[in-house]
Amino acid sequence: TKPDLIGPGSEEEVLAVLQNERKHLNLGYVMVKCRSQADLNQSMSVSKAREAEAKFFSTHEYWGKCDPSLTGVVQLTRRLTTLLVGRIQLALPIIKWELQNELE
């Protein structure tokens, strides 16, 4: 959550992790840039933070070259929503069946 603090020379390793080539996770990674303490102290709104995050990733020397689906809170939200909807779709028929059995 602090891609702006990654030290020079570490970017390639971080990029390999982000692209799920190192430290593999089944669901992969999404890099986000949260508001800094200075941003919070200045009462930066969430919408302004999303704009700043998008600009940071699109213009960064390394992160600007990677797949945009791997960066940003918007992408993380989409991926988590898709995951949640899928889990609900799997669980709902079982819950419905259990409720019907209880009512009979």
Protein backbone atom coordinates (compact mmCIF):
# COMPACT_ATOMS: atom_id res chain seq x y z
CA THR A 1 0.00 0.00 0.00
CA LYS A 2 3.02 2.26 -0.18
CA PRO A 3 4.27 1.91 -3.76
CA ASP A 4 5.62 5.45 -3.63
CA LEU A 5 8.04 4.40 -0.87
CA ILE A 6 9.62 1.48 -2.74
CA GLY A 7 13.34 2.14 -2.88
CA PRO A 8 15.22 2.57 -6.15
CA GLY A 9 16.44 -0.78 -7.39
CA SER A 10 13.63 -2.75 -5.72
CA GLU A 11 11.04 -2.08 -8.42
CA GLU A 12 11.78 -5.18 -10.52
CA GLU A 13 11.33 -7.48 -7.52
CA VAL A 14 8.11 -5.76 -6.49
CA LEU A 15 6.87 -5.94 -10.09
CA ALA A 16 7.56 -9.71 -10.13
CA VAL A 17 5.48 -10.10 -6.96
CA LEU A 18 2.70 -7.87 -8.33
CA GLN A 19 2.57 -9.95 -11.51
CA ASN A 20 2.30 -13.07 -9.32
CA GLU A 21 5.61 -14.45 -10.62
CA ARG A 22 7.12 -14.51 -7.12
CA LYS A 23 5.34 -15.26 -3.85
CA HIS A 24 2.41 -16.76 -5.75
CA LEU A 25 -1.12 -16.22 -4.47
CA ASN A 26 -4.07 -18.03 -6.05
CA LEU A 27 -6.00 -14.78 -6.40
CA GLY A 28 -2.97 -12.67 -7.26
CA TYR A 29 -2.16 -9.16 -6.14
CA VAL A 30 -3.47 -5.64 -6.65
CA MET A 31 -1.24 -2.70 -5.70
CA VAL A 32 -2.97 0.30 -4.17
CA LYS A 33 -1.73 3.69 -3.06
CA CYS A 34 -3.43 4.90 0.07
CA ARG A 35 -3.56 8.48 1.21
CA SER A 36 -0.47 9.62 3.10
CA GLN A 37 -0.66 11.15 6.56
CA ALA A 38 -0.15 14.55 4.93
CA ASP A 39 -3.10 13.87 2.62
CA LEU A 40 -5.24 12.92 5.61
CA ASN A 41 -4.12 16.00 7.54
CA GLN A 42 -5.18 18.12 4.55
CA SER A 43 -8.56 16.32 4.48
CA MET A 44 -8.03 14.92 0.99
CA SER A 45 -11.33 13.40 -0.14
CA VAL A 46 -11.62 9.80 -1.24
CA SER A 47 -12.44 10.89 -4.80
CA LYS A 48 -9.35 13.13 -4.94
CA ALA A 49 -7.29 10.26 -3.53
CA ARG A 50 -8.54 7.95 -6.29
CA GLU A 51 -7.62 10.58 -8.90
CA ALA A 52 -4.15 10.98 -7.38
CA GLU A 53 -3.73 7.20 -7.24
CA ALA A 54 -4.71 6.79 -10.91
CA LYS A 55 -2.30 9.54 -11.94
CA PHE A 56 0.50 8.01 -9.85
CA PHE A 57 0.12 4.58 -11.45
CA SER A 58 -0.37 5.84 -15.01
CA THR A 59 2.71 8.07 -14.92
CA HIS A 60 5.10 5.98 -12.82
CA GLU A 61 8.20 4.66 -14.58
CA TYR A 62 7.52 1.04 -13.53
CA TRP A 63 3.89 0.79 -12.45
CA GLY A 64 2.74 2.71 -15.52
CA LYS A 65 4.00 -0.16 -17.71
CA CYS A 66 2.25 -2.98 -15.88
CA ASP A 67 -1.24 -4.30 -16.54
CA PRO A 68 -3.71 -1.65 -15.26
CA SER A 69 -5.89 -4.39 -13.77
CA LEU A 70 -3.14 -4.91 -11.17
CA THR A 71 -3.21 -1.39 -9.74
CA GLY A 72 -5.65 0.82 -7.91
CA VAL A 73 -8.46 0.64 -5.41
CA VAL A 74 -11.02 0.59 -8.24
CA GLN A 75 -9.49 -2.61 -9.62
CA LEU A 76 -9.25 -4.14 -6.15
CA THR A 77 -12.91 -3.32 -5.54
CA ARG A 78 -13.91 -4.92 -8.85
CA ARG A 79 -11.96 -8.09 -8.14
CA LEU A 80 -13.29 -8.41 -4.59
CA THR A 81 -16.85 -7.75 -5.75
CA THR A 82 -16.55 -10.43 -8.43
CA LEU A 83 -15.18 -12.85 -5.84
CA LEU A 84 -17.94 -12.04 -3.36
CA VAL A 85 -20.70 -12.40 -5.98
CA GLY A 86 -19.27 -15.77 -7.00
CA ARG A 87 -19.20 -16.98 -3.40
CA ILE A 88 -22.77 -15.80 -2.83
CA GLN A 89 -23.94 -17.57 -5.99
CA LEU A 90 -22.36 -20.79 -4.74
CA ALA A 91 -23.79 -20.50 -1.24
CA LEU A 92 -27.28 -19.23 -2.04
CA PRO A 93 -28.76 -22.50 -3.38
CA ILE A 94 -27.53 -24.35 -0.29
CA ILE A 95 -28.99 -21.71 2.03
CA LYS A 96 -32.28 -21.79 0.11
CA TRP A 97 -32.43 -25.58 0.34
CA GLU A 98 -31.69 -25.50 4.09
CA LEU A 99 -34.41 -22.89 4.67
CA GLN A 100 -36.96 -24.85 2.65
CA ASN A 101 -36.17 -27.97 4.69
CA GLU A 102 -36.60 -26.06 7.93
CA LEU A 103 -39.98 -24.71 6.81
CA GLU A 104 -41.36 -28.12 5.84
